[in-house]
N, C-alpha and C. Protein backbone atom coordinates (compact mmCIF):
# COMPACT_ATOMS: atom_id res chain seq x y z
N MET A 1 -2.39 -14.13 -17.36
CA MET A 1 -2.20 -12.76 -16.78
C MET A 1 -0.67 -12.82 -16.24
N LYS A 2 0.03 -11.83 -16.64
CA LYS A 2 1.57 -11.64 -16.15
C LYS A 2 1.38 -11.10 -14.65
N THR A 3 2.34 -11.57 -13.93
CA THR A 3 2.27 -11.23 -12.58
C THR A 3 2.50 -9.69 -12.40
N TYR A 4 1.72 -9.13 -11.68
CA TYR A 4 1.75 -7.70 -11.50
C TYR A 4 2.03 -7.37 -10.04
N ALA A 5 3.02 -6.44 -9.78
CA ALA A 5 3.56 -6.28 -8.48
C ALA A 5 3.18 -4.72 -8.09
N VAL A 6 2.92 -4.64 -6.77
CA VAL A 6 2.42 -3.30 -6.28
C VAL A 6 3.19 -3.17 -4.94
N LEU A 7 3.95 -2.04 -4.66
CA LEU A 7 4.45 -1.59 -3.57
C LEU A 7 3.75 -0.45 -2.88
N PHE A 8 3.37 -0.60 -1.64
CA PHE A 8 2.70 0.40 -0.89
C PHE A 8 3.72 1.19 0.08
N CYS A 9 3.79 2.46 0.03
CA CYS A 9 4.71 3.13 0.86
C CYS A 9 4.21 4.18 1.72
N CYS A 10 4.68 4.22 2.94
CA CYS A 10 4.35 5.34 3.97
C CYS A 10 5.65 5.77 4.60
N THR A 11 5.63 6.50 5.73
CA THR A 11 6.82 6.98 6.38
C THR A 11 7.75 5.80 7.10
N GLY A 12 7.09 5.15 8.00
CA GLY A 12 7.74 4.10 8.82
C GLY A 12 7.51 2.60 8.46
N ASN A 13 6.55 2.62 7.61
CA ASN A 13 6.10 1.10 7.22
C ASN A 13 5.59 0.23 8.42
N ILE A 14 4.86 1.05 9.37
CA ILE A 14 4.14 0.30 10.38
C ILE A 14 2.81 0.52 10.55
N CYS A 15 2.26 1.50 9.74
CA CYS A 15 0.75 1.80 9.94
C CYS A 15 0.07 1.65 8.63
N ARG A 16 0.19 2.69 7.74
CA ARG A 16 -0.61 2.70 6.44
C ARG A 16 -0.22 1.60 5.51
N SER A 17 1.08 1.72 5.17
CA SER A 17 1.51 0.84 4.05
C SER A 17 1.37 -0.72 4.29
N PRO A 18 1.62 -1.20 5.60
CA PRO A 18 1.33 -2.55 5.86
C PRO A 18 -0.11 -3.03 5.98
N THR A 19 -0.83 -1.89 6.35
CA THR A 19 -2.40 -2.08 6.35
C THR A 19 -2.88 -2.35 4.79
N ALA A 20 -2.26 -1.47 3.95
CA ALA A 20 -2.79 -1.57 2.53
C ALA A 20 -2.24 -2.84 1.90
N GLU A 21 -0.94 -3.21 2.41
CA GLU A 21 -0.53 -4.38 1.92
C GLU A 21 -1.22 -5.78 2.29
N GLY A 22 -1.50 -5.89 3.41
CA GLY A 22 -2.27 -7.10 4.11
C GLY A 22 -3.72 -7.10 3.39
N MET A 23 -4.21 -5.84 3.40
CA MET A 23 -5.71 -5.74 2.97
C MET A 23 -5.67 -6.14 1.42
N PHE A 24 -4.86 -5.60 0.73
CA PHE A 24 -4.87 -5.76 -0.82
C PHE A 24 -4.51 -7.30 -1.01
N LEU A 25 -3.48 -7.94 -0.43
CA LEU A 25 -3.22 -9.25 -0.55
C LEU A 25 -4.41 -10.20 -0.24
N LYS A 26 -5.30 -9.85 0.79
CA LYS A 26 -6.40 -10.58 1.14
C LYS A 26 -7.52 -10.48 -0.03
N LYS A 27 -7.73 -9.30 -0.53
CA LYS A 27 -8.76 -9.12 -1.59
C LYS A 27 -8.13 -9.85 -2.83
N VAL A 28 -6.96 -9.89 -3.22
CA VAL A 28 -6.28 -10.58 -4.28
C VAL A 28 -6.62 -12.13 -4.08
N SER A 29 -6.29 -12.61 -2.78
CA SER A 29 -6.57 -14.05 -2.58
C SER A 29 -8.04 -14.42 -2.65
N ASP A 30 -8.85 -13.52 -2.05
CA ASP A 30 -10.26 -13.79 -2.08
C ASP A 30 -10.73 -13.81 -3.62
N ALA A 31 -10.02 -13.11 -4.50
CA ALA A 31 -10.45 -13.16 -5.88
C ALA A 31 -9.86 -14.29 -6.74
N GLY A 32 -9.14 -15.14 -6.01
CA GLY A 32 -8.46 -16.27 -6.62
C GLY A 32 -7.22 -15.94 -7.48
N LEU A 33 -6.76 -14.82 -7.19
CA LEU A 33 -5.58 -14.23 -7.95
C LEU A 33 -4.23 -14.28 -7.33
N ALA A 34 -4.08 -14.92 -6.15
CA ALA A 34 -2.80 -15.04 -5.49
C ALA A 34 -1.83 -15.63 -6.51
N GLY A 35 -0.64 -15.14 -6.42
CA GLY A 35 0.42 -15.39 -7.33
C GLY A 35 0.37 -14.61 -8.63
N SER A 36 -0.81 -14.25 -8.98
CA SER A 36 -0.85 -13.45 -10.36
C SER A 36 -0.64 -11.89 -9.96
N ILE A 37 -1.08 -11.50 -8.71
CA ILE A 37 -0.70 -10.09 -8.24
C ILE A 37 -0.18 -10.20 -6.94
N VAL A 38 0.93 -9.58 -6.75
CA VAL A 38 1.84 -9.64 -5.45
C VAL A 38 1.90 -8.35 -5.02
N ALA A 39 2.29 -8.27 -3.70
CA ALA A 39 2.32 -6.85 -3.13
C ALA A 39 3.40 -6.98 -1.90
N ASP A 40 3.87 -5.70 -1.65
CA ASP A 40 4.79 -5.59 -0.47
C ASP A 40 4.67 -4.13 0.02
N SER A 41 5.13 -3.80 1.03
CA SER A 41 5.29 -2.47 1.51
C SER A 41 6.61 -1.99 2.04
N ALA A 42 6.90 -0.74 2.17
CA ALA A 42 8.02 -0.17 2.51
C ALA A 42 7.84 1.15 3.16
N GLY A 43 8.88 1.52 3.79
CA GLY A 43 8.81 3.00 4.35
C GLY A 43 9.92 3.83 3.64
N THR A 44 9.48 5.13 3.68
CA THR A 44 10.43 6.12 3.02
C THR A 44 11.65 6.41 4.10
N HIS A 45 11.31 6.15 5.32
CA HIS A 45 12.41 6.33 6.32
C HIS A 45 12.70 4.94 7.04
N GLY A 46 13.83 4.76 7.71
CA GLY A 46 14.11 3.44 8.31
C GLY A 46 13.94 3.46 9.74
N TYR A 47 12.99 4.19 10.22
CA TYR A 47 12.85 4.17 11.67
C TYR A 47 12.42 2.80 12.43
N HIS A 48 11.77 1.91 11.75
CA HIS A 48 11.22 0.73 12.29
C HIS A 48 11.60 -0.59 11.51
N ILE A 49 12.68 -0.55 10.91
CA ILE A 49 13.23 -1.72 10.07
C ILE A 49 13.18 -3.02 10.86
N GLY A 50 12.42 -3.98 10.33
CA GLY A 50 12.33 -5.29 11.06
C GLY A 50 11.28 -5.40 11.97
N GLU A 51 10.61 -4.22 12.32
CA GLU A 51 9.40 -4.48 13.33
C GLU A 51 8.13 -4.88 12.62
N GLN A 52 7.33 -5.39 13.41
CA GLN A 52 5.95 -5.73 12.98
C GLN A 52 5.16 -4.49 12.85
N PRO A 53 4.00 -4.42 12.20
CA PRO A 53 3.14 -3.19 12.27
C PRO A 53 2.80 -2.73 13.57
N ASP A 54 2.53 -1.47 13.71
CA ASP A 54 2.19 -0.90 15.09
C ASP A 54 1.22 -1.83 15.71
N PRO A 55 1.12 -2.15 17.11
CA PRO A 55 0.06 -3.00 17.60
C PRO A 55 -1.46 -2.43 17.37
N ARG A 56 -1.49 -1.19 17.38
CA ARG A 56 -2.93 -0.67 17.12
C ARG A 56 -3.33 -0.89 15.60
N THR A 57 -2.34 -0.94 14.81
CA THR A 57 -2.73 -1.08 13.45
C THR A 57 -3.06 -2.61 13.28
N ARG A 58 -2.28 -3.50 14.00
CA ARG A 58 -2.56 -5.02 13.74
C ARG A 58 -3.98 -5.21 14.48
N ALA A 59 -4.27 -4.59 15.45
CA ALA A 59 -5.59 -4.84 16.23
C ALA A 59 -6.70 -4.39 15.37
N ALA A 60 -6.70 -3.25 14.79
CA ALA A 60 -7.80 -2.65 13.94
C ALA A 60 -7.90 -3.47 12.74
N ALA A 61 -6.82 -3.89 12.12
CA ALA A 61 -6.94 -4.64 10.87
C ALA A 61 -7.44 -6.11 11.18
N LYS A 62 -7.03 -6.61 12.33
CA LYS A 62 -7.54 -8.07 12.65
C LYS A 62 -9.00 -8.08 13.00
N ALA A 63 -9.53 -6.98 13.52
CA ALA A 63 -10.95 -6.85 13.83
C ALA A 63 -11.80 -6.80 12.50
N ARG A 64 -11.01 -6.57 11.49
CA ARG A 64 -11.95 -6.64 10.20
C ARG A 64 -11.37 -7.79 9.27
N GLY A 65 -10.69 -8.64 9.92
CA GLY A 65 -10.29 -9.91 9.08
C GLY A 65 -8.88 -9.92 8.41
N TYR A 66 -8.09 -8.87 8.67
CA TYR A 66 -7.00 -8.77 7.94
C TYR A 66 -5.75 -9.07 8.97
N ASP A 67 -4.88 -10.11 8.59
CA ASP A 67 -3.81 -10.56 9.50
C ASP A 67 -2.51 -9.77 9.09
N LEU A 68 -2.00 -9.11 9.75
CA LEU A 68 -0.73 -8.39 9.47
C LEU A 68 0.47 -8.72 10.14
N SER A 69 0.31 -9.97 11.09
CA SER A 69 1.26 -10.37 11.95
C SER A 69 2.59 -10.76 11.30
N LYS A 70 2.59 -11.23 10.04
CA LYS A 70 3.81 -11.75 9.46
C LYS A 70 4.59 -10.57 8.74
N LEU A 71 4.06 -9.46 8.63
CA LEU A 71 4.74 -8.41 8.02
C LEU A 71 5.74 -7.70 8.88
N ARG A 72 6.77 -7.24 8.19
CA ARG A 72 7.87 -6.70 8.84
C ARG A 72 8.24 -5.44 8.10
N ALA A 73 8.63 -4.30 8.81
CA ALA A 73 8.93 -3.02 8.14
C ALA A 73 10.33 -3.12 7.56
N ARG A 74 10.36 -2.43 6.36
CA ARG A 74 11.58 -2.28 5.63
C ARG A 74 11.74 -0.88 4.94
N ARG A 75 12.81 -0.49 4.50
CA ARG A 75 12.89 0.73 3.91
C ARG A 75 12.88 0.63 2.33
N VAL A 76 12.22 1.54 1.57
CA VAL A 76 12.21 1.48 0.17
C VAL A 76 13.50 1.51 -0.45
N ARG A 77 13.79 0.82 -1.57
CA ARG A 77 15.10 0.89 -2.21
C ARG A 77 15.02 1.30 -3.71
N ARG A 78 15.96 1.91 -4.22
CA ARG A 78 15.93 2.34 -5.53
C ARG A 78 15.49 1.12 -6.55
N ASP A 79 16.03 -0.07 -6.20
CA ASP A 79 15.71 -1.19 -7.12
C ASP A 79 14.05 -1.45 -7.12
N ASP A 80 13.43 -1.10 -6.07
CA ASP A 80 11.93 -1.25 -6.05
C ASP A 80 11.36 -0.67 -7.26
N PHE A 81 11.74 0.37 -7.73
CA PHE A 81 11.17 0.92 -8.92
C PHE A 81 11.39 0.12 -10.31
N ASP A 82 12.31 -0.83 -10.21
CA ASP A 82 12.49 -1.69 -11.24
C ASP A 82 11.62 -2.98 -11.01
N ASP A 83 11.51 -3.41 -9.76
CA ASP A 83 10.87 -4.73 -9.44
C ASP A 83 9.38 -4.53 -9.25
N PHE A 84 8.83 -3.40 -9.17
CA PHE A 84 7.39 -3.25 -9.14
C PHE A 84 6.69 -2.57 -10.27
N ASP A 85 5.60 -2.93 -10.55
CA ASP A 85 4.78 -2.22 -11.64
C ASP A 85 4.23 -0.95 -11.29
N LEU A 86 3.95 -0.81 -9.97
CA LEU A 86 3.29 0.29 -9.38
C LEU A 86 3.79 0.52 -7.96
N VAL A 87 4.13 1.86 -7.61
CA VAL A 87 4.57 2.24 -6.41
C VAL A 87 3.64 3.26 -5.89
N LEU A 88 2.91 2.93 -4.75
CA LEU A 88 1.87 3.87 -4.33
C LEU A 88 2.15 4.55 -2.94
N ALA A 89 2.25 5.80 -2.98
CA ALA A 89 2.47 6.71 -1.83
C ALA A 89 1.26 6.97 -1.06
N MET A 90 1.41 6.99 0.21
CA MET A 90 0.16 7.37 1.10
C MET A 90 -0.16 8.70 1.19
N ASP A 91 0.89 9.59 0.97
CA ASP A 91 0.60 11.10 1.03
C ASP A 91 1.72 11.75 0.20
N HIS A 92 1.37 13.15 0.01
CA HIS A 92 2.28 13.86 -0.81
C HIS A 92 3.72 13.92 -0.37
N GLU A 93 3.94 13.98 1.01
CA GLU A 93 5.30 13.98 1.45
C GLU A 93 6.05 12.78 1.02
N ASN A 94 5.40 11.60 1.18
CA ASN A 94 6.08 10.15 0.80
C ASN A 94 6.25 10.13 -0.66
N ARG A 95 5.31 10.77 -1.46
CA ARG A 95 5.43 10.87 -2.93
C ARG A 95 6.70 11.65 -3.25
N SER A 96 6.83 12.79 -2.49
CA SER A 96 7.99 13.60 -3.01
C SER A 96 9.37 12.98 -2.68
N PHE A 97 9.37 12.27 -1.58
CA PHE A 97 10.61 11.56 -1.26
C PHE A 97 10.79 10.37 -2.27
N LEU A 98 9.77 9.71 -2.66
CA LEU A 98 9.86 8.61 -3.58
C LEU A 98 10.33 9.32 -4.98
N GLU A 99 9.84 10.34 -5.32
CA GLU A 99 10.17 11.03 -6.57
C GLU A 99 11.77 11.37 -6.81
N MET A 100 12.19 11.69 -5.54
CA MET A 100 13.80 11.93 -5.63
C MET A 100 14.49 10.62 -5.65
N LEU A 101 14.02 9.49 -5.23
CA LEU A 101 14.63 8.25 -5.39
C LEU A 101 14.41 7.46 -6.67
N CYS A 102 13.36 7.85 -7.32
CA CYS A 102 12.81 7.09 -8.48
C CYS A 102 13.58 7.44 -9.71
N PRO A 103 14.07 6.52 -10.46
CA PRO A 103 14.78 6.97 -11.72
C PRO A 103 13.66 7.42 -12.82
N PRO A 104 14.04 8.40 -13.46
CA PRO A 104 13.14 9.02 -14.44
C PRO A 104 12.44 8.20 -15.34
N SER A 105 13.09 6.91 -15.73
CA SER A 105 12.28 5.97 -16.56
C SER A 105 11.36 5.21 -15.96
N ASN A 106 11.22 5.28 -14.65
CA ASN A 106 10.12 4.63 -13.87
C ASN A 106 9.25 5.68 -13.24
N ALA A 107 9.29 6.81 -13.52
CA ALA A 107 8.31 7.77 -12.80
C ALA A 107 6.85 7.42 -13.15
N HIS A 108 6.62 6.94 -14.19
CA HIS A 108 5.07 6.56 -14.53
C HIS A 108 4.51 5.55 -13.45
N LYS A 109 5.34 4.77 -12.66
CA LYS A 109 4.91 3.86 -11.83
C LYS A 109 4.49 4.42 -10.59
N LEU A 110 4.77 5.69 -10.28
CA LEU A 110 4.72 6.35 -9.06
C LEU A 110 3.26 7.08 -8.83
N LYS A 111 2.43 6.69 -7.96
CA LYS A 111 1.16 7.39 -7.83
C LYS A 111 0.69 7.54 -6.27
N LEU A 112 -0.33 8.20 -6.04
CA LEU A 112 -0.94 8.23 -4.72
C LEU A 112 -1.89 7.22 -4.52
N MET A 113 -1.90 6.50 -3.46
CA MET A 113 -2.80 5.40 -3.17
C MET A 113 -4.29 5.88 -3.36
N MET A 114 -4.61 7.05 -2.97
CA MET A 114 -6.07 7.36 -2.93
C MET A 114 -6.50 7.79 -4.42
N GLU A 115 -5.72 7.80 -5.33
CA GLU A 115 -6.07 7.92 -6.70
C GLU A 115 -7.00 6.87 -7.22
N TYR A 116 -6.86 5.63 -6.37
CA TYR A 116 -7.75 4.55 -6.72
C TYR A 116 -9.14 4.45 -5.90
N ALA A 117 -9.23 5.35 -5.05
CA ALA A 117 -10.41 5.42 -4.23
C ALA A 117 -11.68 5.82 -5.03
N ARG A 118 -12.80 5.25 -4.71
CA ARG A 118 -13.98 5.53 -5.34
C ARG A 118 -15.01 6.30 -4.56
N LYS A 119 -14.92 6.06 -3.25
CA LYS A 119 -15.96 6.82 -2.46
C LYS A 119 -15.25 8.11 -1.68
N TYR A 120 -13.92 7.87 -1.42
CA TYR A 120 -13.41 9.15 -0.72
C TYR A 120 -12.87 10.01 -1.87
N ASN A 121 -13.06 11.23 -1.71
CA ASN A 121 -12.42 12.23 -2.64
C ASN A 121 -11.47 13.10 -1.92
N VAL A 122 -10.43 12.37 -1.48
CA VAL A 122 -9.17 12.99 -0.97
C VAL A 122 -7.99 12.43 -1.51
N ARG A 123 -6.85 12.97 -1.39
CA ARG A 123 -5.60 12.59 -2.05
C ARG A 123 -4.59 11.95 -1.10
N GLU A 124 -4.82 11.95 0.24
CA GLU A 124 -3.89 11.51 1.09
C GLU A 124 -4.49 10.56 2.20
N VAL A 125 -3.90 9.51 2.53
CA VAL A 125 -4.33 8.71 3.79
C VAL A 125 -3.48 9.31 4.85
N PRO A 126 -4.41 9.77 5.84
CA PRO A 126 -3.78 10.41 7.09
C PRO A 126 -2.88 9.49 7.94
N ASP A 127 -1.88 9.93 8.48
CA ASP A 127 -1.00 9.11 9.40
C ASP A 127 -1.67 8.89 10.71
N PRO A 128 -2.18 7.78 11.12
CA PRO A 128 -2.80 7.64 12.36
C PRO A 128 -1.77 7.33 13.62
N TYR A 129 -0.57 7.43 13.42
CA TYR A 129 0.44 7.07 14.50
C TYR A 129 0.35 7.78 15.78
N GLY A 130 -0.01 9.20 15.56
CA GLY A 130 0.20 10.04 16.84
C GLY A 130 -1.27 10.06 17.48
N GLY A 131 -2.23 9.52 16.90
CA GLY A 131 -3.66 9.66 17.37
C GLY A 131 -4.19 8.52 18.11
N GLY A 132 -5.54 8.48 18.14
CA GLY A 132 -6.37 7.50 18.82
C GLY A 132 -6.86 6.45 17.73
N PRO A 133 -7.75 5.48 18.47
CA PRO A 133 -8.22 4.49 17.65
C PRO A 133 -8.92 4.91 16.39
N GLU A 134 -9.68 6.08 16.51
CA GLU A 134 -10.55 6.56 15.42
C GLU A 134 -9.62 6.87 14.05
N GLY A 135 -8.44 7.28 14.29
CA GLY A 135 -7.53 7.37 13.19
C GLY A 135 -7.29 6.07 12.48
N PHE A 136 -7.01 5.01 13.23
CA PHE A 136 -6.73 3.71 12.59
C PHE A 136 -8.04 3.23 11.90
N GLU A 137 -9.30 3.32 12.40
CA GLU A 137 -10.38 3.04 11.76
C GLU A 137 -10.70 3.87 10.53
N LEU A 138 -10.44 5.11 10.51
CA LEU A 138 -10.29 5.90 9.17
C LEU A 138 -9.47 5.40 8.19
N VAL A 139 -8.17 5.03 8.55
CA VAL A 139 -7.25 4.52 7.66
C VAL A 139 -7.90 3.22 7.04
N LEU A 140 -8.35 2.53 7.79
CA LEU A 140 -8.94 1.23 7.31
C LEU A 140 -10.10 1.37 6.31
N GLU A 141 -11.02 2.29 6.58
CA GLU A 141 -12.07 2.63 5.73
C GLU A 141 -11.47 3.16 4.35
N MET A 142 -10.63 4.08 4.45
CA MET A 142 -10.04 4.79 3.24
C MET A 142 -9.45 3.54 2.42
N LEU A 143 -8.58 2.74 3.08
CA LEU A 143 -7.72 1.82 2.34
C LEU A 143 -8.67 0.72 1.79
N GLU A 144 -9.66 0.34 2.50
CA GLU A 144 -10.63 -0.68 1.94
C GLU A 144 -11.16 -0.13 0.60
N ASP A 145 -11.58 1.08 0.51
CA ASP A 145 -12.07 1.76 -0.65
C ASP A 145 -10.94 1.74 -1.66
N ALA A 146 -9.87 2.29 -1.46
CA ALA A 146 -8.71 2.41 -2.49
C ALA A 146 -8.28 1.11 -2.84
N THR A 147 -8.06 0.10 -2.05
CA THR A 147 -7.61 -1.17 -2.58
C THR A 147 -8.56 -1.88 -3.43
N GLU A 148 -9.85 -1.69 -3.17
CA GLU A 148 -10.87 -2.37 -4.01
C GLU A 148 -10.90 -1.69 -5.49
N GLY A 149 -10.64 -0.49 -5.45
CA GLY A 149 -10.53 0.37 -6.70
C GLY A 149 -9.11 0.05 -7.39
N LEU A 150 -8.07 -0.22 -6.70
CA LEU A 150 -6.83 -0.61 -7.27
C LEU A 150 -6.96 -2.06 -7.75
N LEU A 151 -7.54 -2.99 -7.19
CA LEU A 151 -7.69 -4.36 -7.78
C LEU A 151 -8.65 -4.26 -9.06
N LEU A 152 -9.60 -3.59 -9.10
CA LEU A 152 -10.40 -3.37 -10.29
C LEU A 152 -9.72 -2.66 -11.45
N SER A 153 -8.75 -1.74 -11.07
CA SER A 153 -7.93 -1.08 -12.07
C SER A 153 -6.93 -2.04 -12.67
N ILE A 154 -6.30 -2.83 -11.80
CA ILE A 154 -5.34 -3.85 -12.29
C ILE A 154 -6.00 -4.77 -13.26
N LEU A 155 -7.12 -5.31 -12.88
CA LEU A 155 -7.88 -6.26 -13.58
C LEU A 155 -8.24 -5.83 -14.87
N GLN A 156 -8.68 -4.59 -14.92
CA GLN A 156 -9.10 -3.83 -16.19
C GLN A 156 -7.94 -3.78 -17.27
N LYS A 157 -6.88 -3.31 -16.56
CA LYS A 157 -5.73 -3.02 -17.25
C LYS A 157 -5.12 -4.43 -17.94
N GLN A 158 -5.09 -5.35 -17.15
CA GLN A 158 -4.57 -6.70 -17.55
C GLN A 158 -5.46 -7.39 -18.73
N SER A 159 -6.77 -7.02 -18.54
CA SER A 159 -7.84 -7.65 -19.54
C SER A 159 -7.52 -6.98 -20.84
N VAL A 160 -7.15 -5.61 -20.91
CA VAL A 160 -6.92 -4.88 -22.09
C VAL A 160 -5.51 -5.39 -22.68
N ASN A 161 -4.61 -5.76 -21.79
CA ASN A 161 -3.23 -6.13 -22.33
C ASN A 161 -3.20 -7.60 -22.81
N ARG A 162 -4.21 -8.31 -22.77
CA ARG A 162 -4.13 -9.69 -23.22
C ARG A 162 -4.27 -9.83 -24.60
């Protein structure tokens, strides 16, 4: 299997996208695919560059077995569209920003995260930043569904391309 790279994007890279990154990498590792599938996360805005994920994000993720403590926020770069096979936006606003940055030759790589969900029939992962603990729990539920669907999609695509 050729290495497949996924970039998760939200606004500040401290809630949704690092949660998706940490969760997805654990699923990849648990499936014995570490090194074959890699992931990173970035923000469309540079509000929190160098910071750890929000403490509420880290706590909610840790309670479900996901360690986000080593992750640090960064801003998305134009080069990311060359370096990653898939760039996943958490909502339409982030996708619109990414579309402006994305070279036309890489537009096929840009999708919404919830396109991979199997249980949730929504297009956006809501931003929990301004709310309470229930928002962070909802994000975890939604991203667990979508990251499982994403991993299955990548594995199916890779087996077809062998």
